[in-house]
């Protein structure tokens, strides 16, 4: 009986990564300063686009984030070239959700 319990426990521990499957979301690449909307920045400069605002905020020290609906997720892959490429644009992200962060495995422009 003890051997069966140990086998079951070992199987559960070893299979923990199996349950962490990739998910896919659609939303916008933004920055941690503005979050889901660039409304406050646009009030000061109506010529700013979402892209130019995101680029300026990241250059000023903010981090890239992913906004989907009213939820904002931190992105673990801050050095991924796709973040700068799609800054301020609608994208589809595939990756693993870890709390309020996403570890992206794929970032592509939304169709």
C-alpha atoms as a PDB file:
ATOM      1  CA  UNK A   1       0.000   0.000   0.000  1.00  0.00           C
ATOM      2  CA  UNK A   2       2.829   2.382   0.886  1.00  0.00           C
ATOM      3  CA  UNK A   3       4.453   1.709  -2.494  1.00  0.00           C
ATOM      4  CA  UNK A   4       1.228   2.584  -4.356  1.00  0.00           C
ATOM      5  CA  UNK A   5       0.870   5.881  -2.474  1.00  0.00           C
ATOM      6  CA  UNK A   6       4.494   6.803  -3.197  1.00  0.00           C
ATOM      7  CA  UNK A   7       4.046   5.944  -6.876  1.00  0.00           C
ATOM      8  CA  UNK A   8       0.918   8.107  -7.151  1.00  0.00           C
ATOM      9  CA  UNK A   9       2.591  11.036  -5.367  1.00  0.00           C
ATOM     10  CA  UNK A  10       5.695  10.753  -7.562  1.00  0.00           C
ATOM     11  CA  UNK A  11       3.544  10.696 -10.696  1.00  0.00           C
ATOM     12  CA  UNK A  12       1.667  13.812  -9.595  1.00  0.00           C
ATOM     13  CA  UNK A  13       4.888  15.696  -8.822  1.00  0.00           C
ATOM     14  CA  UNK A  14       6.529  14.725 -12.110  1.00  0.00           C
ATOM     15  CA  UNK A  15       3.506  15.625 -14.223  1.00  0.00           C
ATOM     16  CA  UNK A  16       3.143  19.162 -12.824  1.00  0.00           C
ATOM     17  CA  UNK A  17       4.528  20.731 -16.023  1.00  0.00           C
ATOM     18  CA  UNK A  18       2.028  18.850 -18.159  1.00  0.00           C
ATOM     19  CA  UNK A  19      -0.859  20.907 -16.771  1.00  0.00           C
ATOM     20  CA  UNK A  20       0.820  24.248 -17.628  1.00  0.00           C
ATOM     21  CA  UNK A  21      -0.244  24.288 -21.280  1.00  0.00           C
ATOM     22  CA  UNK A  22       0.178  27.306 -23.529  1.00  0.00           C
ATOM     23  CA  UNK A  23      -2.807  29.593 -23.931  1.00  0.00           C
ATOM     24  CA  UNK A  24      -3.564  32.227 -26.566  1.00  0.00           C
ATOM     25  CA  UNK A  25      -4.839  35.788 -26.019  1.00  0.00           C
ATOM     26  CA  UNK A  26      -5.593  38.733 -28.294  1.00  0.00           C
ATOM     27  CA  UNK A  27      -4.926  42.265 -27.132  1.00  0.00           C
ATOM     28  CA  UNK A  28      -2.484  45.162 -27.439  1.00  0.00           C
ATOM     29  CA  UNK A  29       1.193  45.640 -26.633  1.00  0.00           C
ATOM     30  CA  UNK A  30       1.312  48.632 -24.301  1.00  0.00           C
ATOM     31  CA  UNK A  31       3.552  49.898 -21.513  1.00  0.00           C
ATOM     32  CA  UNK A  32       3.480  49.682 -17.730  1.00  0.00           C
ATOM     33  CA  UNK A  33       3.138  53.444 -17.345  1.00  0.00           C
ATOM     34  CA  UNK A  34      -0.062  53.757 -19.395  1.00  0.00           C
ATOM     35  CA  UNK A  35      -1.510  50.272 -18.968  1.00  0.00           C
ATOM     36  CA  UNK A  36      -4.586  49.450 -21.034  1.00  0.00           C
ATOM     37  CA  UNK A  37      -5.115  52.978 -22.368  1.00  0.00           C
ATOM     38  CA  UNK A  38      -2.950  55.931 -23.379  1.00  0.00           C
ATOM     39  CA  UNK A  39      -5.751  58.375 -22.595  1.00  0.00           C
ATOM     40  CA  UNK A  40      -3.798  60.466 -20.069  1.00  0.00           C
ATOM     41  CA  UNK A  41      -0.862  60.925 -22.432  1.00  0.00           C
ATOM     42  CA  UNK A  42      -3.131  61.758 -25.360  1.00  0.00           C
ATOM     43  CA  UNK A  43      -4.687  64.592 -23.341  1.00  0.00           C
ATOM     44  CA  UNK A  44      -1.260  66.280 -23.297  1.00  0.00           C
ATOM     45  CA  UNK A  45      -0.376  65.556 -26.915  1.00  0.00           C
ATOM     46  CA  UNK A  46      -3.171  64.734 -29.349  1.00  0.00           C
ATOM     47  CA  UNK A  47      -0.648  63.821 -32.069  1.00  0.00           C
ATOM     48  CA  UNK A  48       0.637  60.800 -30.154  1.00  0.00           C
ATOM     49  CA  UNK A  49      -0.329  57.390 -31.442  1.00  0.00           C
ATOM     50  CA  UNK A  50      -0.562  54.319 -29.219  1.00  0.00           C
ATOM     51  CA  UNK A  51       2.679  53.144 -30.811  1.00  0.00           C
ATOM     52  CA  UNK A  52       4.599  56.388 -30.247  1.00  0.00           C
ATOM     53  CA  UNK A  53       3.322  56.621 -26.674  1.00  0.00           C
ATOM     54  CA  UNK A  54       4.368  53.031 -25.907  1.00  0.00           C
ATOM     55  CA  UNK A  55       7.794  53.604 -27.464  1.00  0.00           C
ATOM     56  CA  UNK A  56       8.315  56.826 -25.486  1.00  0.00           C
ATOM     57  CA  UNK A  57       7.238  55.270 -22.191  1.00  0.00           C
ATOM     58  CA  UNK A  58       9.471  52.221 -22.671  1.00  0.00           C
ATOM     59  CA  UNK A  59      12.386  54.484 -23.593  1.00  0.00           C
ATOM     60  CA  UNK A  60      11.656  56.355 -20.349  1.00  0.00           C
ATOM     61  CA  UNK A  61      11.934  53.186 -18.255  1.00  0.00           C
ATOM     62  CA  UNK A  62       8.490  51.581 -18.429  1.00  0.00           C
ATOM     63  CA  UNK A  63       8.129  47.877 -19.268  1.00  0.00           C
ATOM     64  CA  UNK A  64       6.144  46.335 -22.093  1.00  0.00           C
ATOM     65  CA  UNK A  65       2.786  44.929 -20.999  1.00  0.00           C
ATOM     66  CA  UNK A  66      -0.055  43.109 -22.717  1.00  0.00           C
ATOM     67  CA  UNK A  67      -3.550  44.611 -22.404  1.00  0.00           C
ATOM     68  CA  UNK A  68      -6.537  42.411 -23.144  1.00  0.00           C
ATOM     69  CA  UNK A  69      -9.920  43.882 -22.312  1.00  0.00           C
ATOM     70  CA  UNK A  70      -9.598  45.597 -18.940  1.00  0.00           C
ATOM     71  CA  UNK A  71      -6.796  43.253 -17.788  1.00  0.00           C
ATOM     72  CA  UNK A  72      -3.106  44.162 -18.041  1.00  0.00           C
ATOM     73  CA  UNK A  73      -0.457  41.433 -17.894  1.00  0.00           C
ATOM     74  CA  UNK A  74       3.263  41.880 -17.344  1.00  0.00           C
ATOM     75  CA  UNK A  75       5.401  40.242 -20.025  1.00  0.00           C
ATOM     76  CA  UNK A  76       8.436  38.230 -18.996  1.00  0.00           C
ATOM     77  CA  UNK A  77      10.051  38.393 -22.442  1.00  0.00           C
ATOM     78  CA  UNK A  78      11.050  42.081 -22.312  1.00  0.00           C
ATOM     79  CA  UNK A  79      13.895  41.615 -24.822  1.00  0.00           C
ATOM     80  CA  UNK A  80      11.715  39.905 -27.455  1.00  0.00           C
ATOM     81  CA  UNK A  81      12.062  41.951 -30.666  1.00  0.00           C
ATOM     82  CA  UNK A  82       8.364  41.429 -31.423  1.00  0.00           C
ATOM     83  CA  UNK A  83       7.433  43.710 -28.508  1.00  0.00           C
ATOM     84  CA  UNK A  84       9.139  46.710 -30.104  1.00  0.00           C
ATOM     85  CA  UNK A  85       7.929  45.662 -33.556  1.00  0.00           C
ATOM     86  CA  UNK A  86       4.263  45.532 -32.485  1.00  0.00           C
ATOM     87  CA  UNK A  87       4.287  48.290 -29.838  1.00  0.00           C
ATOM     88  CA  UNK A  88       0.841  49.876 -29.626  1.00  0.00           C
ATOM     89  CA  UNK A  89      -0.640  47.317 -32.017  1.00  0.00           C
ATOM     90  CA  UNK A  90      -3.152  44.499 -31.686  1.00  0.00           C
ATOM     91  CA  UNK A  91      -1.424  41.132 -31.358  1.00  0.00           C
ATOM     92  CA  UNK A  92      -2.053  37.507 -30.560  1.00  0.00           C
ATOM     93  CA  UNK A  93       0.181  36.101 -27.820  1.00  0.00           C
ATOM     94  CA  UNK A  94       0.696  32.432 -27.127  1.00  0.00           C
ATOM     95  CA  UNK A  95       2.354  31.500 -23.876  1.00  0.00           C
ATOM     96  CA  UNK A  96       2.049  30.466 -20.280  1.00  0.00           C
ATOM     97  CA  UNK A  97       0.141  32.501 -17.716  1.00  0.00           C
ATOM     98  CA  UNK A  98       1.968  32.720 -14.391  1.00  0.00           C
ATOM     99  CA  UNK A  99      -0.104  34.810 -11.971  1.00  0.00           C
ATOM    100  CA  UNK A 100      -0.379  38.259 -13.604  1.00  0.00           C
ATOM    101  CA  UNK A 101       2.523  37.620 -15.999  1.00  0.00           C
ATOM    102  CA  UNK A 102       2.743  35.929 -19.361  1.00  0.00           C
ATOM    103  CA  UNK A 103       5.813  34.090 -20.557  1.00  0.00           C
ATOM    104  CA  UNK A 104       5.256  34.394 -24.303  1.00  0.00           C
ATOM    105  CA  UNK A 105       6.329  31.698 -26.731  1.00  0.00           C
ATOM    106  CA  UNK A 106       4.872  33.469 -29.771  1.00  0.00           C
ATOM    107  CA  UNK A 107       3.851  37.060 -30.503  1.00  0.00           C
ATOM    108  CA  UNK A 108       2.210  37.820 -33.856  1.00  0.00           C
ATOM    109  CA  UNK A 109       0.167  40.650 -35.308  1.00  0.00           C
ATOM    110  CA  UNK A 110      -3.541  39.920 -34.925  1.00  0.00           C
ATOM    111  CA  UNK A 111      -5.463  39.261 -38.093  1.00  0.00           C
END
